[in-house]
Amino acid sequence: MDSGLRRAVVLALGDLARSDDWRDRADAGHGLAGFAETREAVEPLLGLLLDPGDTFVTRRTAEGLLRRKDRAGLSIVAYALAVADDHHADWTHTAIVDVFSVFSDDLDEALRLCEEMSGDADDRVVRGARRLHASLAGIDPVLRSP
């Protein structure tokens, strides 16, 4: 893994995240989601999840983070949910349903990670994890494990 190149990509996507064009910001959110575990990606991702200009940016960024199906992605979404207004929370919820309504194993793992995050040191992650857990708990997945 070339950490220098990865950092350069994160910084370039961070620049794209500040574009005036909503399409650029949505693409930046989708791309940055792949780097959610890096410190430099967290702040731009939070800004895109709470994008004041277009909720498509919120949905696209949330979907990218949730499709990671790991703690890095879920914790950033949880953090944003803790401070999100109802409008942004609704679009994030739409992404949650889109990602976790198919496979019960994915949903179960996400619920487990939310429970784990309820012990996080950051109160915003804890509050957001509760909100995320509530959204996930309302999903009835299409495919269940035997």
C-alpha atoms as a PDB file:
ATOM      1  CA  MET A   1       0.000   0.000   0.000  1.00  0.00           C
ATOM      2  CA  ASP A   2       1.391   3.385  -0.973  1.00  0.00           C
ATOM      3  CA  SER A   3       0.395   5.682   1.890  1.00  0.00           C
ATOM      4  CA  GLY A   4       1.711   8.762   0.067  1.00  0.00           C
ATOM      5  CA  LEU A   5      -0.558   8.169  -2.916  1.00  0.00           C
ATOM      6  CA  ARG A   6      -3.527   7.377  -0.678  1.00  0.00           C
ATOM      7  CA  ARG A   7      -3.000  10.618   1.241  1.00  0.00           C
ATOM      8  CA  ALA A   8      -2.768  12.553  -2.033  1.00  0.00           C
ATOM      9  CA  VAL A   9      -6.066  11.047  -3.182  1.00  0.00           C
ATOM     10  CA  VAL A  10      -7.755  11.949   0.101  1.00  0.00           C
ATOM     11  CA  LEU A  11      -6.489  15.524  -0.145  1.00  0.00           C
ATOM     12  CA  ALA A  12      -7.635  15.805  -3.788  1.00  0.00           C
ATOM     13  CA  LEU A  13     -11.075  14.453  -2.906  1.00  0.00           C
ATOM     14  CA  GLY A  14     -11.171  16.872   0.031  1.00  0.00           C
ATOM     15  CA  ASP A  15     -10.614  19.706  -2.444  1.00  0.00           C
ATOM     16  CA  LEU A  16     -13.404  18.332  -4.641  1.00  0.00           C
ATOM     17  CA  ALA A  17     -15.660  18.206  -1.568  1.00  0.00           C
ATOM     18  CA  ARG A  18     -15.471  22.015  -1.387  1.00  0.00           C
ATOM     19  CA  SER A  19     -16.730  22.480  -4.968  1.00  0.00           C
ATOM     20  CA  ASP A  20     -19.720  24.696  -5.698  1.00  0.00           C
ATOM     21  CA  ASP A  21     -21.150  21.918  -7.892  1.00  0.00           C
ATOM     22  CA  TRP A  22     -23.278  19.368  -6.048  1.00  0.00           C
ATOM     23  CA  ARG A  23     -22.185  16.627  -8.482  1.00  0.00           C
ATOM     24  CA  ASP A  24     -18.550  17.176  -7.545  1.00  0.00           C
ATOM     25  CA  ARG A  25     -19.400  17.051  -3.840  1.00  0.00           C
ATOM     26  CA  ALA A  26     -21.447  13.849  -4.286  1.00  0.00           C
ATOM     27  CA  ASP A  27     -18.576  12.214  -6.169  1.00  0.00           C
ATOM     28  CA  ALA A  28     -16.132  13.368  -3.499  1.00  0.00           C
ATOM     29  CA  GLY A  29     -18.301  11.827  -0.766  1.00  0.00           C
ATOM     30  CA  HIS A  30     -18.571   8.544  -2.623  1.00  0.00           C
ATOM     31  CA  GLY A  31     -14.816   8.460  -3.228  1.00  0.00           C
ATOM     32  CA  LEU A  32     -13.793   9.592   0.248  1.00  0.00           C
ATOM     33  CA  ALA A  33     -15.922   6.841   1.795  1.00  0.00           C
ATOM     34  CA  GLY A  34     -13.274   4.380   0.638  1.00  0.00           C
ATOM     35  CA  PHE A  35     -10.759   6.203   2.838  1.00  0.00           C
ATOM     36  CA  ALA A  36     -12.956   6.620   5.938  1.00  0.00           C
ATOM     37  CA  GLU A  37     -10.342   5.004   8.138  1.00  0.00           C
ATOM     38  CA  THR A  38      -7.891   7.841   7.454  1.00  0.00           C
ATOM     39  CA  ARG A  39      -7.829  10.842   9.755  1.00  0.00           C
ATOM     40  CA  GLU A  40      -7.753  13.317   6.845  1.00  0.00           C
ATOM     41  CA  ALA A  41     -10.998  11.967   5.368  1.00  0.00           C
ATOM     42  CA  VAL A  42     -13.184  12.315   8.465  1.00  0.00           C
ATOM     43  CA  GLU A  43     -13.771  16.075   8.452  1.00  0.00           C
ATOM     44  CA  PRO A  44     -14.672  16.352   4.743  1.00  0.00           C
ATOM     45  CA  LEU A  45     -16.931  13.311   5.049  1.00  0.00           C
ATOM     46  CA  LEU A  46     -18.799  14.864   7.980  1.00  0.00           C
ATOM     47  CA  GLY A  47     -19.205  18.078   5.996  1.00  0.00           C
ATOM     48  CA  LEU A  48     -20.619  16.162   3.038  1.00  0.00           C
ATOM     49  CA  LEU A  49     -23.023  14.177   5.217  1.00  0.00           C
ATOM     50  CA  LEU A  50     -24.384  17.510   6.455  1.00  0.00           C
ATOM     51  CA  ASP A  51     -24.085  19.268   3.073  1.00  0.00           C
ATOM     52  CA  PRO A  52     -26.127  22.485   3.232  1.00  0.00           C
ATOM     53  CA  GLY A  53     -26.554  22.738  -0.533  1.00  0.00           C
ATOM     54  CA  ASP A  54     -27.978  19.405  -1.686  1.00  0.00           C
ATOM     55  CA  THR A  55     -29.273  16.335   0.116  1.00  0.00           C
ATOM     56  CA  PHE A  56     -28.187  14.092  -2.772  1.00  0.00           C
ATOM     57  CA  VAL A  57     -24.662  14.731  -1.493  1.00  0.00           C
ATOM     58  CA  THR A  58     -25.799  13.549   1.952  1.00  0.00           C
ATOM     59  CA  ARG A  59     -27.389  10.398   0.566  1.00  0.00           C
ATOM     60  CA  ARG A  60     -24.487   9.495  -1.754  1.00  0.00           C
ATOM     61  CA  THR A  61     -21.895  10.021   0.989  1.00  0.00           C
ATOM     62  CA  ALA A  62     -23.917   8.094   3.569  1.00  0.00           C
ATOM     63  CA  GLU A  63     -24.442   5.224   1.152  1.00  0.00           C
ATOM     64  CA  GLY A  64     -20.724   5.001   0.412  1.00  0.00           C
ATOM     65  CA  LEU A  65     -19.848   4.970   4.100  1.00  0.00           C
ATOM     66  CA  LEU A  66     -22.533   2.431   4.971  1.00  0.00           C
ATOM     67  CA  ARG A  67     -21.549   0.090   2.122  1.00  0.00           C
ATOM     68  CA  ARG A  68     -18.179  -0.310   3.824  1.00  0.00           C
ATOM     69  CA  LYS A  69     -20.097  -2.206   6.506  1.00  0.00           C
ATOM     70  CA  ASP A  70     -17.394  -1.497   9.053  1.00  0.00           C
ATOM     71  CA  ARG A  71     -16.911   0.565  12.173  1.00  0.00           C
ATOM     72  CA  ALA A  72     -15.030   3.339  10.355  1.00  0.00           C
ATOM     73  CA  GLY A  73     -17.934   4.057   8.031  1.00  0.00           C
ATOM     74  CA  LEU A  74     -20.674   3.535  10.580  1.00  0.00           C
ATOM     75  CA  SER A  75     -19.036   5.738  13.205  1.00  0.00           C
ATOM     76  CA  ILE A  76     -18.785   8.697  10.806  1.00  0.00           C
ATOM     77  CA  VAL A  77     -22.454   8.268   9.891  1.00  0.00           C
ATOM     78  CA  ALA A  78     -23.344   7.998  13.588  1.00  0.00           C
ATOM     79  CA  TYR A  79     -21.386  11.150  14.416  1.00  0.00           C
ATOM     80  CA  ALA A  80     -23.233  13.058  11.689  1.00  0.00           C
ATOM     81  CA  LEU A  81     -26.618  11.688  12.793  1.00  0.00           C
ATOM     82  CA  ALA A  82     -26.007  13.037  16.291  1.00  0.00           C
ATOM     83  CA  VAL A  83     -25.990  16.598  14.966  1.00  0.00           C
ATOM     84  CA  ALA A  84     -28.079  16.252  11.791  1.00  0.00           C
ATOM     85  CA  ASP A  85     -31.309  18.139  11.295  1.00  0.00           C
ATOM     86  CA  ASP A  86     -34.410  16.116  10.429  1.00  0.00           C
ATOM     87  CA  HIS A  87     -33.991  16.682   6.688  1.00  0.00           C
ATOM     88  CA  HIS A  88     -30.421  15.322   6.589  1.00  0.00           C
ATOM     89  CA  ALA A  89     -31.363  12.508   8.968  1.00  0.00           C
ATOM     90  CA  ASP A  90     -34.194  11.476   6.621  1.00  0.00           C
ATOM     91  CA  TRP A  91     -31.842  11.194   3.635  1.00  0.00           C
ATOM     92  CA  THR A  92     -29.317   9.318   5.744  1.00  0.00           C
ATOM     93  CA  HIS A  93     -32.107   6.957   6.823  1.00  0.00           C
ATOM     94  CA  THR A  94     -32.943   6.380   3.150  1.00  0.00           C
ATOM     95  CA  ALA A  95     -29.326   5.325   2.554  1.00  0.00           C
ATOM     96  CA  ILE A  96     -29.460   3.056   5.626  1.00  0.00           C
ATOM     97  CA  VAL A  97     -32.524   1.267   4.276  1.00  0.00           C
ATOM     98  CA  ASP A  98     -31.004   0.980   0.798  1.00  0.00           C
ATOM     99  CA  VAL A  99     -27.815  -0.615   2.132  1.00  0.00           C
ATOM    100  CA  PHE A 100     -29.127  -2.865   4.897  1.00  0.00           C
ATOM    101  CA  SER A 101     -32.522  -4.075   3.671  1.00  0.00           C
ATOM    102  CA  VAL A 102     -31.207  -7.025   1.656  1.00  0.00           C
ATOM    103  CA  PHE A 103     -29.038  -9.363   3.763  1.00  0.00           C
ATOM    104  CA  SER A 104     -29.808 -10.140   7.401  1.00  0.00           C
ATOM    105  CA  ASP A 105     -26.133 -10.886   8.118  1.00  0.00           C
ATOM    106  CA  ASP A 106     -25.145  -7.358   7.081  1.00  0.00           C
ATOM    107  CA  LEU A 107     -27.921  -5.880   9.188  1.00  0.00           C
ATOM    108  CA  ASP A 108     -27.008  -7.997  12.208  1.00  0.00           C
ATOM    109  CA  GLU A 109     -23.351  -6.933  11.971  1.00  0.00           C
ATOM    110  CA  ALA A 110     -24.327  -3.267  11.687  1.00  0.00           C
ATOM    111  CA  LEU A 111     -26.544  -3.581  14.765  1.00  0.00           C
ATOM    112  CA  ARG A 112     -23.671  -5.237  16.643  1.00  0.00           C
ATOM    113  CA  LEU A 113     -21.306  -2.421  15.657  1.00  0.00           C
ATOM    114  CA  CYS A 114     -23.844   0.167  16.834  1.00  0.00           C
ATOM    115  CA  GLU A 115     -24.024  -1.553  20.202  1.00  0.00           C
ATOM    116  CA  GLU A 116     -20.224  -1.525  20.347  1.00  0.00           C
ATOM    117  CA  MET A 117     -20.167   2.195  19.493  1.00  0.00           C
ATOM    118  CA  SER A 118     -22.533   2.910  22.382  1.00  0.00           C
ATOM    119  CA  GLY A 119     -19.434   2.640  24.575  1.00  0.00           C
ATOM    120  CA  ASP A 120     -17.420   5.169  22.541  1.00  0.00           C
ATOM    121  CA  ALA A 121     -15.627   7.979  24.362  1.00  0.00           C
ATOM    122  CA  ASP A 122     -17.214  10.623  22.101  1.00  0.00           C
ATOM    123  CA  ASP A 123     -20.759  11.439  23.217  1.00  0.00           C
ATOM    124  CA  ARG A 124     -21.764  12.398  19.666  1.00  0.00           C
ATOM    125  CA  VAL A 125     -20.831   8.946  18.380  1.00  0.00           C
ATOM    126  CA  VAL A 126     -22.823   7.404  21.236  1.00  0.00           C
ATOM    127  CA  ARG A 127     -25.924   9.515  20.505  1.00  0.00           C
ATOM    128  CA  GLY A 128     -25.622   8.932  16.781  1.00  0.00           C
ATOM    129  CA  ALA A 129     -25.097   5.198  17.259  1.00  0.00           C
ATOM    130  CA  ARG A 130     -28.396   5.057  19.146  1.00  0.00           C
ATOM    131  CA  ARG A 131     -30.128   6.894  16.305  1.00  0.00           C
ATOM    132  CA  LEU A 132     -28.479   4.630  13.724  1.00  0.00           C
ATOM    133  CA  HIS A 133     -29.428   1.542  15.745  1.00  0.00           C
ATOM    134  CA  ALA A 134     -33.058   2.680  15.832  1.00  0.00           C
ATOM    135  CA  SER A 135     -33.091   3.074  12.040  1.00  0.00           C
ATOM    136  CA  LEU A 136     -31.487  -0.321  11.545  1.00  0.00           C
ATOM    137  CA  ALA A 137     -33.827  -2.028  14.018  1.00  0.00           C
ATOM    138  CA  GLY A 138     -36.801  -1.003  11.897  1.00  0.00           C
ATOM    139  CA  ILE A 139     -35.514  -2.836   8.817  1.00  0.00           C
ATOM    140  CA  ASP A 140     -36.884  -6.233   7.805  1.00  0.00           C
ATOM    141  CA  PRO A 141     -34.261  -7.661   5.425  1.00  0.00           C
ATOM    142  CA  VAL A 142     -35.292  -9.537   2.304  1.00  0.00           C
ATOM    143  CA  LEU A 143     -32.798 -12.417   2.625  1.00  0.00           C
ATOM    144  CA  ARG A 144     -32.171 -14.193   5.899  1.00  0.00           C
ATOM    145  CA  SER A 145     -29.386 -16.603   6.732  1.00  0.00           C
ATOM    146  CA  PRO A 146     -30.434 -20.213   7.265  1.00  0.00           C
END
